[in-house]
PDB file of N, CA and C in Angstrom:
ATOM      1  N   MET A   1     211.677 -48.766 234.525  1.00  0.00           N
ATOM      2  CA  MET A   1     211.962 -47.836 233.452  1.00  0.00           C
ATOM      3  C   MET A   1     211.801 -46.421 233.999  1.00  0.00           C
ATOM      4  N   ALA A   2     212.726 -45.573 233.710  1.00  0.00           N
ATOM      5  CA  ALA A   2     212.683 -44.191 234.187  1.00  0.00           C
ATOM      6  C   ALA A   2     211.669 -43.392 233.385  1.00  0.00           C
ATOM      7  N   SER A   3     210.953 -42.533 234.076  1.00  0.00           N
ATOM      8  CA  SER A   3     209.983 -41.682 233.374  1.00  0.00           C
ATOM      9  C   SER A   3     210.703 -40.499 232.742  1.00  0.00           C
ATOM     10  N   VAL A   4     210.150 -40.025 231.655  1.00  0.00           N
ATOM     11  CA  VAL A   4     210.754 -38.915 230.929  1.00  0.00           C
ATOM     12  C   VAL A   4     210.038 -37.634 231.322  1.00  0.00           C
ATOM     13  N   ASN A   5     210.798 -36.650 231.765  1.00  0.00           N
ATOM     14  CA  ASN A   5     210.232 -35.360 232.137  1.00  0.00           C
ATOM     15  C   ASN A   5     210.309 -34.446 230.919  1.00  0.00           C
ATOM     16  N   ARG A   6     209.185 -34.255 230.243  1.00  0.00           N
ATOM     17  CA  ARG A   6     209.168 -33.474 229.011  1.00  0.00           C
ATOM     18  C   ARG A   6     209.183 -31.971 229.265  1.00  0.00           C
ATOM     19  N   SER A   7     208.957 -31.551 230.489  1.00  0.00           N
ATOM     20  CA  SER A   7     208.929 -30.116 230.769  1.00  0.00           C
ATOM     21  C   SER A   7     210.284 -29.597 231.236  1.00  0.00           C
ATOM     22  N   ARG A   8     211.301 -30.424 231.167  1.00  0.00           N
ATOM     23  CA  ARG A   8     212.624 -30.023 231.622  1.00  0.00           C
ATOM     24  C   ARG A   8     213.202 -28.950 230.698  1.00  0.00           C
ATOM     25  N   ALA A   9     213.880 -28.007 231.283  1.00  0.00           N
ATOM     26  CA  ALA A   9     214.504 -26.934 230.506  1.00  0.00           C
ATOM     27  C   ALA A   9     215.639 -27.512 229.666  1.00  0.00           C
ATOM     28  N   PRO A  10     215.930 -26.882 228.530  1.00  0.00           N
ATOM     29  CA  PRO A  10     217.023 -27.387 227.692  1.00  0.00           C
ATOM     30  C   PRO A  10     218.366 -27.269 228.403  1.00  0.00           C
ATOM     31  N   SER A  11     219.239 -28.214 228.100  1.00  0.00           N
ATOM     32  CA  SER A  11     220.568 -28.212 228.707  1.00  0.00           C
ATOM     33  C   SER A  11     221.429 -27.116 228.083  1.00  0.00           C
ATOM     34  N   GLN A  12     222.537 -26.852 228.720  1.00  0.00           N
ATOM     35  CA  GLN A  12     223.491 -25.864 228.200  1.00  0.00           C
ATOM     36  C   GLN A  12     223.975 -26.280 226.821  1.00  0.00           C
ATOM     37  N   ARG A  13     224.185 -27.570 226.629  1.00  0.00           N
ATOM     38  CA  ARG A  13     224.649 -28.082 225.335  1.00  0.00           C
ATOM     39  C   ARG A  13     223.594 -27.862 224.251  1.00  0.00           C
ATOM     40  N   GLN A  14     222.332 -28.139 224.567  1.00  0.00           N
ATOM     41  CA  GLN A  14     221.257 -27.914 223.602  1.00  0.00           C
ATOM     42  C   GLN A  14     221.191 -26.439 223.214  1.00  0.00           C
ATOM     43  N   LEU A  15     221.306 -25.558 224.188  1.00  0.00           N
ATOM     44  CA  LEU A  15     221.245 -24.120 223.906  1.00  0.00           C
ATOM     45  C   LEU A  15     222.422 -23.676 223.041  1.00  0.00           C
ATOM     46  N   ARG A  16     223.613 -24.161 223.373  1.00  0.00           N
ATOM     47  CA  ARG A  16     224.815 -23.769 222.634  1.00  0.00           C
ATOM     48  C   ARG A  16     224.759 -24.269 221.187  1.00  0.00           C
ATOM     49  N   VAL A  17     224.398 -25.532 220.992  1.00  0.00           N
ATOM     50  CA  VAL A  17     224.313 -26.089 219.639  1.00  0.00           C
ATOM     51  C   VAL A  17     223.163 -25.437 218.880  1.00  0.00           C
ATOM     52  N   GLY A  18     222.066 -25.149 219.564  1.00  0.00           N
ATOM     53  CA  GLY A  18     220.945 -24.460 218.924  1.00  0.00           C
ATOM     54  C   GLY A  18     221.346 -23.101 218.393  1.00  0.00           C
ATOM     55  N   GLU A  19     222.146 -22.383 219.151  1.00  0.00           N
ATOM     56  CA  GLU A  19     222.616 -21.072 218.695  1.00  0.00           C
ATOM     57  C   GLU A  19     223.561 -21.218 217.504  1.00  0.00           C
ATOM     58  N   LEU A  20     224.412 -22.241 217.512  1.00  0.00           N
ATOM     59  CA  LEU A  20     225.290 -22.492 216.358  1.00  0.00           C
ATOM     60  C   LEU A  20     224.471 -22.813 215.108  1.00  0.00           C
ATOM     61  N   LEU A  21     223.421 -23.618 215.268  1.00  0.00           N
ATOM     62  CA  LEU A  21     222.561 -23.951 214.131  1.00  0.00           C
ATOM     63  C   LEU A  21     221.826 -22.717 213.624  1.00  0.00           C
ATOM     64  N   ARG A  22     221.363 -21.875 214.547  1.00  0.00           N
ATOM     65  CA  ARG A  22     220.662 -20.649 214.149  1.00  0.00           C
ATOM     66  C   ARG A  22     221.577 -19.760 213.320  1.00  0.00           C
ATOM     67  N   GLU A  23     222.821 -19.598 213.766  1.00  0.00           N
ATOM     68  CA  GLU A  23     223.786 -18.785 213.019  1.00  0.00           C
ATOM     69  C   GLU A  23     224.088 -19.407 211.653  1.00  0.00           C
ATOM     70  N   ALA A  24     224.249 -20.727 211.606  1.00  0.00           N
ATOM     71  CA  ALA A  24     224.544 -21.398 210.334  1.00  0.00           C
ATOM     72  C   ALA A  24     223.388 -21.239 209.355  1.00  0.00           C
ATOM     73  N   LEU A  25     222.159 -21.382 209.831  1.00  0.00           N
ATOM     74  CA  LEU A  25     221.001 -21.214 208.950  1.00  0.00           C
ATOM     75  C   LEU A  25     220.865 -19.773 208.483  1.00  0.00           C
ATOM     76  N   THR A  26     221.102 -18.823 209.381  1.00  0.00           N
ATOM     77  CA  THR A  26     221.030 -17.411 209.005  1.00  0.00           C
ATOM     78  C   THR A  26     222.049 -17.102 207.917  1.00  0.00           C
ATOM     79  N   ASN A  27     223.272 -17.602 208.072  1.00  0.00           N
ATOM     80  CA  ASN A  27     224.301 -17.394 207.046  1.00  0.00           C
ATOM     81  C   ASN A  27     223.940 -18.091 205.743  1.00  0.00           C
ATOM     82  N   THR A  28     223.344 -19.259 205.829  1.00  0.00           N
ATOM     83  CA  THR A  28     222.934 -19.976 204.619  1.00  0.00           C
ATOM     84  C   THR A  28     221.859 -19.196 203.878  1.00  0.00           C
ATOM     85  N   PHE A  29     220.871 -18.678 204.592  1.00  0.00           N
ATOM     86  CA  PHE A  29     219.815 -17.890 203.946  1.00  0.00           C
ATOM     87  C   PHE A  29     220.383 -16.631 203.306  1.00  0.00           C
ATOM     88  N   ALA A  30     221.406 -16.051 203.927  1.00  0.00           N
ATOM     89  CA  ALA A  30     221.973 -14.806 203.416  1.00  0.00           C
ATOM     90  C   ALA A  30     222.890 -15.034 202.213  1.00  0.00           C
ATOM     91  N   ARG A  31     223.590 -16.174 202.172  1.00  0.00           N
ATOM     92  CA  ARG A  31     224.635 -16.349 201.158  1.00  0.00           C
ATOM     93  C   ARG A  31     224.332 -17.387 200.095  1.00  0.00           C
ATOM     94  N   ALA A  32     223.681 -18.469 200.470  1.00  0.00           N
ATOM     95  CA  ALA A  32     223.478 -19.566 199.512  1.00  0.00           C
ATOM     96  C   ALA A  32     222.106 -19.434 198.855  1.00  0.00           C
ATOM     97  N   PRO A  33     222.062 -19.443 197.539  1.00  0.00           N
ATOM     98  CA  PRO A  33     220.757 -19.346 196.872  1.00  0.00           C
ATOM     99  C   PRO A  33     219.969 -20.648 197.021  1.00  0.00           C
ATOM    100  N   ILE A  34     218.704 -20.509 197.365  1.00  0.00           N
ATOM    101  CA  ILE A  34     217.813 -21.659 197.462  1.00  0.00           C
ATOM    102  C   ILE A  34     216.907 -21.606 196.247  1.00  0.00           C
ATOM    103  N   ARG A  35     216.913 -22.657 195.467  1.00  0.00           N
ATOM    104  CA  ARG A  35     216.191 -22.661 194.188  1.00  0.00           C
ATOM    105  C   ARG A  35     214.722 -23.009 194.371  1.00  0.00           C
ATOM    106  N   ASP A  36     214.020 -22.150 195.070  1.00  0.00           N
ATOM    107  CA  ASP A  36     212.579 -22.316 195.233  1.00  0.00           C
ATOM    108  C   ASP A  36     211.945 -20.956 194.996  1.00  0.00           C
ATOM    109  N   PRO A  37     211.000 -20.853 194.069  1.00  0.00           N
ATOM    110  CA  PRO A  37     210.402 -19.548 193.768  1.00  0.00           C
ATOM    111  C   PRO A  37     209.746 -18.891 194.980  1.00  0.00           C
ATOM    112  N   ALA A  38     209.241 -19.684 195.908  1.00  0.00           N
ATOM    113  CA  ALA A  38     208.597 -19.115 197.091  1.00  0.00           C
ATOM    114  C   ALA A  38     209.608 -18.454 198.023  1.00  0.00           C
ATOM    115  N   LEU A  39     210.871 -18.862 197.939  1.00  0.00           N
ATOM    116  CA  LEU A  39     211.898 -18.320 198.828  1.00  0.00           C
ATOM    117  C   LEU A  39     212.761 -17.248 198.180  1.00  0.00           C
ATOM    118  N   SER A  40     212.696 -17.116 196.870  1.00  0.00           N
ATOM    119  CA  SER A  40     213.576 -16.163 196.200  1.00  0.00           C
ATOM    120  C   SER A  40     213.202 -14.735 196.576  1.00  0.00           C
ATOM    121  N   GLY A  41     214.186 -14.017 197.056  1.00  0.00           N
ATOM    122  CA  GLY A  41     213.995 -12.611 197.396  1.00  0.00           C
ATOM    123  C   GLY A  41     213.257 -12.362 198.694  1.00  0.00           C
ATOM    124  N   THR A  42     213.019 -13.386 199.492  1.00  0.00           N
ATOM    125  CA  THR A  42     212.317 -13.215 200.762  1.00  0.00           C
ATOM    126  C   THR A  42     213.307 -13.326 201.910  1.00  0.00           C
ATOM    127  N   PRO A  43     213.514 -12.237 202.657  1.00  0.00           N
ATOM    128  CA  PRO A  43     214.379 -12.344 203.837  1.00  0.00           C
ATOM    129  C   PRO A  43     213.681 -13.161 204.925  1.00  0.00           C
ATOM    130  N   ILE A  44     214.406 -14.096 205.498  1.00  0.00           N
ATOM    131  CA  ILE A  44     213.856 -14.978 206.526  1.00  0.00           C
ATOM    132  C   ILE A  44     214.677 -14.810 207.790  1.00  0.00           C
ATOM    133  N   THR A  45     213.991 -14.610 208.903  1.00  0.00           N
ATOM    134  CA  THR A  45     214.639 -14.501 210.198  1.00  0.00           C
ATOM    135  C   THR A  45     214.453 -15.804 210.954  1.00  0.00           C
ATOM    136  N   VAL A  46     215.543 -16.371 211.439  1.00  0.00           N
ATOM    137  CA  VAL A  46     215.481 -17.554 212.292  1.00  0.00           C
ATOM    138  C   VAL A  46     215.429 -17.034 213.723  1.00  0.00           C
ATOM    139  N   THR A  47     214.280 -17.212 214.379  1.00  0.00           N
ATOM    140  CA  THR A  47     214.107 -16.637 215.711  1.00  0.00           C
ATOM    141  C   THR A  47     214.566 -17.565 216.820  1.00  0.00           C
ATOM    142  N   GLU A  48     214.442 -18.878 216.608  1.00  0.00           N
ATOM    143  CA  GLU A  48     214.817 -19.815 217.667  1.00  0.00           C
ATOM    144  C   GLU A  48     215.050 -21.193 217.067  1.00  0.00           C
ATOM    145  N   VAL A  49     215.943 -21.947 217.701  1.00  0.00           N
ATOM    146  CA  VAL A  49     216.170 -23.350 217.347  1.00  0.00           C
ATOM    147  C   VAL A  49     216.078 -24.152 218.635  1.00  0.00           C
ATOM    148  N   ARG A  50     215.186 -25.134 218.646  1.00  0.00           N
ATOM    149  CA  ARG A  50     215.036 -26.022 219.801  1.00  0.00           C
ATOM    150  C   ARG A  50     215.491 -27.413 219.394  1.00  0.00           C
ATOM    151  N   LEU A  51     216.408 -27.961 220.177  1.00  0.00           N
ATOM    152  CA  LEU A  51     216.974 -29.275 219.879  1.00  0.00           C
ATOM    153  C   LEU A  51     216.458 -30.330 220.841  1.00  0.00           C
ATOM    154  N   SER A  52     216.345 -31.556 220.340  1.00  0.00           N
ATOM    155  CA  SER A  52     216.015 -32.682 221.206  1.00  0.00           C
ATOM    156  C   SER A  52     217.230 -32.965 222.088  1.00  0.00           C
ATOM    157  N   PRO A  53     217.039 -33.658 223.215  1.00  0.00           N
ATOM    158  CA  PRO A  53     218.183 -33.936 224.103  1.00  0.00           C
ATOM    159  C   PRO A  53     219.328 -34.690 223.430  1.00  0.00           C
ATOM    160  N   ASN A  54     219.027 -35.540 222.439  1.00  0.00           N
ATOM    161  CA  ASN A  54     220.106 -36.265 221.760  1.00  0.00           C
ATOM    162  C   ASN A  54     220.665 -35.496 220.555  1.00  0.00           C
ATOM    163  N   LEU A  55     220.180 -34.287 220.316  1.00  0.00           N
ATOM    164  CA  LEU A  55     220.642 -33.380 219.261  1.00  0.00           C
ATOM    165  C   LEU A  55     220.378 -33.913 217.849  1.00  0.00           C
ATOM    166  N   LYS A  56     219.438 -34.835 217.696  1.00  0.00           N
ATOM    167  CA  LYS A  56     219.158 -35.390 216.367  1.00  0.00           C
ATOM    168  C   LYS A  56     217.947 -34.764 215.695  1.00  0.00           C
ATOM    169  N   GLN A  57     217.156 -34.013 216.432  1.00  0.00           N
ATOM    170  CA  GLN A  57     215.982 -33.332 215.890  1.00  0.00           C
ATOM    171  C   GLN A  57     216.083 -31.855 216.242  1.00  0.00           C
ATOM    172  N   ALA A  58     215.850 -30.993 215.269  1.00  0.00           N
ATOM    173  CA  ALA A  58     215.887 -29.552 215.509  1.00  0.00           C
ATOM    174  C   ALA A  58     214.595 -28.925 214.990  1.00  0.00           C
ATOM    175  N   ARG A  59     213.912 -28.200 215.857  1.00  0.00           N
ATOM    176  CA  ARG A  59     212.734 -27.428 215.449  1.00  0.00           C
ATOM    177  C   ARG A  59     213.192 -25.993 215.258  1.00  0.00           C
ATOM    178  N   ILE A  60     213.043 -25.495 214.035  1.00  0.00           N
ATOM    179  CA  ILE A  60     213.503 -24.156 213.689  1.00  0.00           C
ATOM    180  C   ILE A  60     212.285 -23.266 213.531  1.00  0.00           C
ATOM    181  N   PHE A  61     212.263 -22.185 214.308  1.00  0.00           N
ATOM    182  CA  PHE A  61     211.174 -21.220 214.236  1.00  0.00           C
ATOM    183  C   PHE A  61     211.633 -20.058 213.367  1.00  0.00           C
ATOM    184  N   VAL A  62     210.855 -19.762 212.333  1.00  0.00           N
ATOM    185  CA  VAL A  62     211.227 -18.732 211.365  1.00  0.00           C
ATOM    186  C   VAL A  62     210.126 -17.692 211.257  1.00  0.00           C
ATOM    187  N   MET A  63     210.534 -16.515 210.787  1.00  0.00           N
ATOM    188  CA  MET A  63     209.606 -15.417 210.561  1.00  0.00           C
ATOM    189  C   MET A  63     209.998 -14.749 209.251  1.00  0.00           C
ATOM    190  N   PRO A  64     209.144 -14.816 208.220  1.00  0.00           N
ATOM    191  CA  PRO A  64     209.462 -14.124 206.965  1.00  0.00           C
ATOM    192  C   PRO A  64     209.229 -12.627 207.120  1.00  0.00           C
ATOM    193  N   LEU A  65     210.097 -11.848 206.522  1.00  0.00           N
ATOM    194  CA  LEU A  65     209.955 -10.397 206.572  1.00  0.00           C
ATOM    195  C   LEU A  65     209.277  -9.915 205.299  1.00  0.00           C
ATOM    196  N   GLY A  66     208.713  -8.736 205.357  1.00  0.00           N
ATOM    197  CA  GLY A  66     208.131  -8.140 204.162  1.00  0.00           C
ATOM    198  C   GLY A  66     206.691  -8.509 203.908  1.00  0.00           C
ATOM    199  N   GLY A  67     206.011  -9.054 204.905  1.00  0.00           N
ATOM    200  CA  GLY A  67     204.594  -9.332 204.746  1.00  0.00           C
ATOM    201  C   GLY A  67     204.250 -10.521 203.889  1.00  0.00           C
ATOM    202  N   ARG A  68     205.200 -11.385 203.601  1.00  0.00           N
ATOM    203  CA  ARG A  68     204.922 -12.583 202.797  1.00  0.00           C
ATOM    204  C   ARG A  68     204.113 -13.581 203.621  1.00  0.00           C
ATOM    205  N   GLU A  69     203.431 -14.453 202.933  1.00  0.00           N
ATOM    206  CA  GLU A  69     202.622 -15.482 203.580  1.00  0.00           C
ATOM    207  C   GLU A  69     203.537 -16.474 204.298  1.00  0.00           C
ATOM    208  N   GLY A  70     203.399 -16.561 205.614  1.00  0.00           N
ATOM    209  CA  GLY A  70     204.277 -17.395 206.416  1.00  0.00           C
ATOM    210  C   GLY A  70     204.143 -18.875 206.142  1.00  0.00           C
ATOM    211  N   ASP A  71     202.919 -19.356 205.952  1.00  0.00           N
ATOM    212  CA  ASP A  71     202.719 -20.788 205.716  1.00  0.00           C
ATOM    213  C   ASP A  71     203.347 -21.231 204.398  1.00  0.00           C
ATOM    214  N   GLU A  72     203.295 -20.371 203.399  1.00  0.00           N
ATOM    215  CA  GLU A  72     203.915 -20.679 202.102  1.00  0.00           C
ATOM    216  C   GLU A  72     205.433 -20.788 202.254  1.00  0.00           C
ATOM    217  N   ILE A  73     206.012 -19.893 203.042  1.00  0.00           N
ATOM    218  CA  ILE A  73     207.459 -19.912 203.281  1.00  0.00           C
ATOM    219  C   ILE A  73     207.861 -21.182 204.028  1.00  0.00           C
ATOM    220  N   VAL A  74     207.086 -21.551 205.047  1.00  0.00           N
ATOM    221  CA  VAL A  74     207.403 -22.753 205.824  1.00  0.00           C
ATOM    222  C   VAL A  74     207.333 -23.996 204.940  1.00  0.00           C
ATOM    223  N   GLU A  75     206.344 -24.077 204.073  1.00  0.00           N
ATOM    224  CA  GLU A  75     206.251 -25.221 203.157  1.00  0.00           C
ATOM    225  C   GLU A  75     207.460 -25.273 202.217  1.00  0.00           C
ATOM    226  N   ALA A  76     207.899 -24.120 201.736  1.00  0.00           N
ATOM    227  CA  ALA A  76     209.085 -24.075 200.870  1.00  0.00           C
ATOM    228  C   ALA A  76     210.334 -24.494 201.644  1.00  0.00           C
ATOM    229  N   LEU A  77     210.437 -24.084 202.907  1.00  0.00           N
ATOM    230  CA  LEU A  77     211.582 -24.488 203.726  1.00  0.00           C
ATOM    231  C   LEU A  77     211.562 -25.991 203.989  1.00  0.00           C
ATOM    232  N   LYS A  78     210.387 -26.554 204.152  1.00  0.00           N
ATOM    233  CA  LYS A  78     210.295 -28.010 204.340  1.00  0.00           C
ATOM    234  C   LYS A  78     210.780 -28.741 203.094  1.00  0.00           C
ATOM    235  N   ARG A  79     210.465 -28.198 201.926  1.00  0.00           N
ATOM    236  CA  ARG A  79     210.954 -28.812 200.682  1.00  0.00           C
ATOM    237  C   ARG A  79     212.472 -28.692 200.575  1.00  0.00           C
ATOM    238  N   ALA A  80     213.020 -27.601 201.092  1.00  0.00           N
ATOM    239  CA  ALA A  80     214.463 -27.358 201.012  1.00  0.00           C
ATOM    240  C   ALA A  80     215.224 -27.936 202.203  1.00  0.00           C
ATOM    241  N   ALA A  81     214.546 -28.621 203.118  1.00  0.00           N
ATOM    242  CA  ALA A  81     215.183 -29.120 204.343  1.00  0.00           C
ATOM    243  C   ALA A  81     216.392 -30.020 204.087  1.00  0.00           C
ATOM    244  N   PRO A  82     216.365 -30.945 203.125  1.00  0.00           N
ATOM    245  CA  PRO A  82     217.570 -31.766 202.905  1.00  0.00           C
ATOM    246  C   PRO A  82     218.789 -30.927 202.505  1.00  0.00           C
ATOM    247  N   TYR A  83     218.583 -29.953 201.638  1.00  0.00           N
ATOM    248  CA  TYR A  83     219.682 -29.067 201.246  1.00  0.00           C
ATOM    249  C   TYR A  83     220.169 -28.255 202.444  1.00  0.00           C
ATOM    250  N   LEU A  84     219.240 -27.714 203.226  1.00  0.00           N
ATOM    251  CA  LEU A  84     219.616 -26.910 204.390  1.00  0.00           C
ATOM    252  C   LEU A  84     220.334 -27.760 205.434  1.00  0.00           C
ATOM    253  N   ARG A  85     219.931 -29.005 205.585  1.00  0.00           N
ATOM    254  CA  ARG A  85     220.615 -29.907 206.511  1.00  0.00           C
ATOM    255  C   ARG A  85     222.052 -30.132 206.054  1.00  0.00           C
ATOM    256  N   TYR A  86     222.242 -30.311 204.761  1.00  0.00           N
ATOM    257  CA  TYR A  86     223.586 -30.473 204.203  1.00  0.00           C
ATOM    258  C   TYR A  86     224.434 -29.234 204.487  1.00  0.00           C
ATOM    259  N   GLU A  87     223.873 -28.052 204.265  1.00  0.00           N
ATOM    260  CA  GLU A  87     224.614 -26.808 204.505  1.00  0.00           C
ATOM    261  C   GLU A  87     224.957 -26.639 205.983  1.00  0.00           C
ATOM    262  N   VAL A  88     224.024 -26.977 206.856  1.00  0.00           N
ATOM    263  CA  VAL A  88     224.284 -26.889 208.299  1.00  0.00           C
ATOM    264  C   VAL A  88     225.389 -27.866 208.684  1.00  0.00           C
ATOM    265  N   ALA A  89     225.361 -29.074 208.134  1.00  0.00           N
ATOM    266  CA  ALA A  89     226.391 -30.072 208.446  1.00  0.00           C
ATOM    267  C   ALA A  89     227.769 -29.600 208.000  1.00  0.00           C
ATOM    268  N   ARG A  90     227.836 -28.861 206.903  1.00  0.00           N
ATOM    269  CA  ARG A  90     229.123 -28.322 206.443  1.00  0.00           C
ATOM    270  C   ARG A  90     229.642 -27.233 207.373  1.00  0.00           C
ATOM    271  N   ARG A  91     228.751 -26.446 207.942  1.00  0.00           N
ATOM    272  CA  ARG A  91     229.155 -25.282 208.731  1.00  0.00           C
ATOM    273  C   ARG A  91     229.349 -25.587 210.214  1.00  0.00           C
ATOM    274  N   VAL A  92     228.604 -26.551 210.746  1.00  0.00           N
ATOM    275  CA  VAL A  92     228.675 -26.884 212.170  1.00  0.00           C
ATOM    276  C   VAL A  92     229.157 -28.323 212.287  1.00  0.00           C
ATOM    277  N   LYS A  93     230.250 -28.514 212.984  1.00  0.00           N
ATOM    278  CA  LYS A  93     230.830 -29.847 213.116  1.00  0.00           C
ATOM    279  C   LYS A  93     230.171 -30.585 214.279  1.00  0.00           C
ATOM    280  N   LEU A  94     229.284 -31.506 213.920  1.00  0.00           N
ATOM    281  CA  LEU A  94     228.619 -32.369 214.890  1.00  0.00           C
ATOM    282  C   LEU A  94     228.764 -33.809 214.418  1.00  0.00           C
ATOM    283  N   LYS A  95     228.580 -34.748 215.332  1.00  0.00           N
ATOM    284  CA  LYS A  95     228.643 -36.156 214.946  1.00  0.00           C
ATOM    285  C   LYS A  95     227.527 -36.488 213.960  1.00  0.00           C
ATOM    286  N   PHE A  96     226.324 -35.975 214.229  1.00  0.00           N
ATOM    287  CA  PHE A  96     225.175 -36.166 213.347  1.00  0.00           C
ATOM    288  C   PHE A  96     224.578 -34.810 213.024  1.00  0.00           C
ATOM    289  N   ALA A  97     224.195 -34.614 211.790  1.00  0.00           N
ATOM    290  CA  ALA A  97     223.456 -33.398 211.435  1.00  0.00           C
ATOM    291  C   ALA A  97     221.999 -33.630 211.826  1.00  0.00           C
ATOM    292  N   PRO A  98     221.420 -32.733 212.601  1.00  0.00           N
ATOM    293  CA  PRO A  98     220.043 -32.956 213.046  1.00  0.00           C
ATOM    294  C   PRO A  98     219.046 -32.837 211.899  1.00  0.00           C
ATOM    295  N   ALA A  99     217.953 -33.571 212.021  1.00  0.00           N
ATOM    296  CA  ALA A  99     216.838 -33.433 211.081  1.00  0.00           C
ATOM    297  C   ALA A  99     216.168 -32.092 211.367  1.00  0.00           C
ATOM    298  N   LEU A 100     215.885 -31.333 210.323  1.00  0.00           N
ATOM    299  CA  LEU A 100     215.346 -29.987 210.486  1.00  0.00           C
ATOM    300  C   LEU A 100     213.839 -29.980 210.247  1.00  0.00           C
ATOM    301  N   THR A 101     213.114 -29.405 211.196  1.00  0.00           N
ATOM    302  CA  THR A 101     211.674 -29.218 211.083  1.00  0.00           C
ATOM    303  C   THR A 101     211.405 -27.727 211.222  1.00  0.00           C
ATOM    304  N   PHE A 102     210.731 -27.144 210.240  1.00  0.00           N
ATOM    305  CA  PHE A 102     210.486 -25.707 210.243  1.00  0.00           C
ATOM    306  C   PHE A 102     209.066 -25.404 210.699  1.00  0.00           C
ATOM    307  N   GLU A 103     208.955 -24.352 211.519  1.00  0.00           N
ATOM    308  CA  GLU A 103     207.659 -23.891 212.004  1.00  0.00           C
ATOM    309  C   GLU A 103     207.641 -22.375 211.958  1.00  0.00           C
ATOM    310  N   LEU A 104     206.462 -21.840 211.734  1.00  0.00           N
ATOM    311  CA  LEU A 104     206.277 -20.394 211.740  1.00  0.00           C
ATOM    312  C   LEU A 104     206.259 -19.909 213.181  1.00  0.00           C
ATOM    313  N   ASP A 105     207.033 -18.882 213.483  1.00  0.00           N
ATOM    314  CA  ASP A 105     207.082 -18.325 214.832  1.00  0.00           C
ATOM    315  C   ASP A 105     205.892 -17.392 215.016  1.00  0.00           C
ATOM    316  N   ARG A 106     204.977 -17.797 215.850  1.00  0.00           N
ATOM    317  CA  ARG A 106     203.766 -17.011 216.090  1.00  0.00           C
ATOM    318  C   ARG A 106     203.864 -16.177 217.365  1.00  0.00           C
ATOM    319  N   SER A 107     205.018 -16.156 218.002  1.00  0.00           N
ATOM    320  CA  SER A 107     205.155 -15.423 219.262  1.00  0.00           C
ATOM    321  C   SER A 107     204.974 -13.920 219.067  1.00  0.00           C
ATOM    322  N   PHE A 108     205.358 -13.387 217.902  1.00  0.00           N
ATOM    323  CA  PHE A 108     205.180 -11.958 217.661  1.00  0.00           C
ATOM    324  C   PHE A 108     203.699 -11.608 217.551  1.00  0.00           C
ATOM    325  N   ASP A 109     202.925 -12.457 216.887  1.00  0.00           N
ATOM    326  CA  ASP A 109     201.486 -12.232 216.783  1.00  0.00           C
ATOM    327  C   ASP A 109     200.821 -12.328 218.151  1.00  0.00           C
ATOM    328  N   GLU A 110     201.257 -13.298 218.951  1.00  0.00           N
ATOM    329  CA  GLU A 110     200.683 -13.462 220.284  1.00  0.00           C
ATOM    330  C   GLU A 110     201.009 -12.267 221.173  1.00  0.00           C
ATOM    331  N   SER A 111     202.242 -11.766 221.103  1.00  0.00           N
ATOM    332  CA  SER A 111     202.601 -10.612 221.936  1.00  0.00           C
ATOM    333  C   SER A 111     201.856  -9.361 221.483  1.00  0.00           C
ATOM    334  N   ARG A 112     201.644  -9.203 220.180  1.00  0.00           N
ATOM    335  CA  ARG A 112     200.870  -8.064 219.688  1.00  0.00           C
ATOM    336  C   ARG A 112     199.425  -8.151 220.178  1.00  0.00           C
ATOM    337  N   HIS A 113     198.873  -9.351 220.177  1.00  0.00           N
ATOM    338  CA  HIS A 113     197.508  -9.548 220.653  1.00  0.00           C
ATOM    339  C   HIS A 113     197.400  -9.213 222.144  1.00  0.00           C
ATOM    340  N   ILE A 114     198.378  -9.631 222.932  1.00  0.00           N
ATOM    341  CA  ILE A 114     198.380  -9.319 224.362  1.00  0.00           C
ATOM    342  C   ILE A 114     198.504  -7.820 224.575  1.00  0.00           C
ATOM    343  N   ASP A 115     199.360  -7.152 223.796  1.00  0.00           N
ATOM    344  CA  ASP A 115     199.482  -5.696 223.895  1.00  0.00           C
ATOM    345  C   ASP A 115     198.155  -5.010 223.598  1.00  0.00           C
ATOM    346  N   GLU A 116     197.450  -5.487 222.567  1.00  0.00           N
ATOM    347  CA  GLU A 116     196.148  -4.901 222.231  1.00  0.00           C
ATOM    348  C   GLU A 116     195.147  -5.102 223.359  1.00  0.00           C
ATOM    349  N   LEU A 117     195.178  -6.273 223.989  1.00  0.00           N
ATOM    350  CA  LEU A 117     194.286  -6.520 225.118  1.00  0.00           C
ATOM    351  C   LEU A 117     194.618  -5.613 226.293  1.00  0.00           C
ATOM    352  N   LEU A 118     195.904  -5.426 226.552  1.00  0.00           N
ATOM    353  CA  LEU A 118     196.311  -4.564 227.666  1.00  0.00           C
ATOM    354  C   LEU A 118     195.955  -3.107 227.409  1.00  0.00           C
ATOM    355  N   VAL A 119     196.076  -2.665 226.177  1.00  0.00           N
ATOM    356  CA  VAL A 119     195.692  -1.290 225.842  1.00  0.00           C
ATOM    357  C   VAL A 119     194.195  -1.108 226.070  1.00  0.00           C
ATOM    358  N   GLY A 120     193.409  -2.125 225.786  1.00  0.00           N
ATOM    359  CA  GLY A 120     191.972  -2.058 226.003  1.00  0.00           C
ATOM    360  C   GLY A 120     191.598  -2.030 227.470  1.00  0.00           C
ATOM    361  N   LEU A 121     192.489  -2.476 228.359  1.00  0.00           N
ATOM    362  CA  LEU A 121     192.209  -2.488 229.790  1.00  0.00           C
ATOM    363  C   LEU A 121     192.606  -1.202 230.496  1.00  0.00           C
ATOM    364  N   THR A 122     193.456  -0.396 229.888  1.00  0.00           N
ATOM    365  CA  THR A 122     193.912   0.821 230.560  1.00  0.00           C
ATOM    366  C   THR A 122     192.780   1.833 230.639  1.00  0.00           C
ATOM    367  N   PRO A 123     192.647   2.511 231.791  1.00  0.00           N
ATOM    368  CA  PRO A 123     191.582   3.521 231.920  1.00  0.00           C
ATOM    369  C   PRO A 123     191.896   4.736 231.053  1.00  0.00           C
ATOM    370  N   HIS A 124     190.876   5.248 230.416  1.00  0.00           N
ATOM    371  CA  HIS A 124     191.035   6.414 229.552  1.00  0.00           C
ATOM    372  C   HIS A 124     190.573   7.650 230.301  1.00  0.00           C
ATOM    373  N   ASP A 125     191.361   8.719 230.221  1.00  0.00           N
ATOM    374  CA  ASP A 125     190.966   9.998 230.824  1.00  0.00           C
ATOM    375  C   ASP A 125     190.000  10.687 229.886  1.00  0.00           C
ATOM    376  N   ASP A 126     188.820  11.046 230.398  1.00  0.00           N
ATOM    377  CA  ASP A 126     187.826  11.725 229.559  1.00  0.00           C
ATOM    378  C   ASP A 126     187.902  13.210 229.689  1.00  0.00           C
TER     379      ASP A 126
END
């Protein structure tokens, strides 16, 4: 049995389909109303889409704008996942519509934390 290398970089196909899914989700958030009070009036940025090698699972990283609670938004997106999957399937022609899993993108918080650490390391002129 062949071993699976989980650290392999995504293929060109995964990247291309991921970008198509990101665009489809962004357009869906902008145009189609989602009937969830937690999502109404909240702009959501899709920062990245990572696909499994067989393109059947998609991890969507999102960032809510306007200071809203990110975990609340992610839970609302999980509730709306079947509807969003349907909308993505309508907009992107694939053999199978991937199952959507939403996660909060914490990379901005991590980069801000690293910046703060680096500022603390710089020598100050007295």
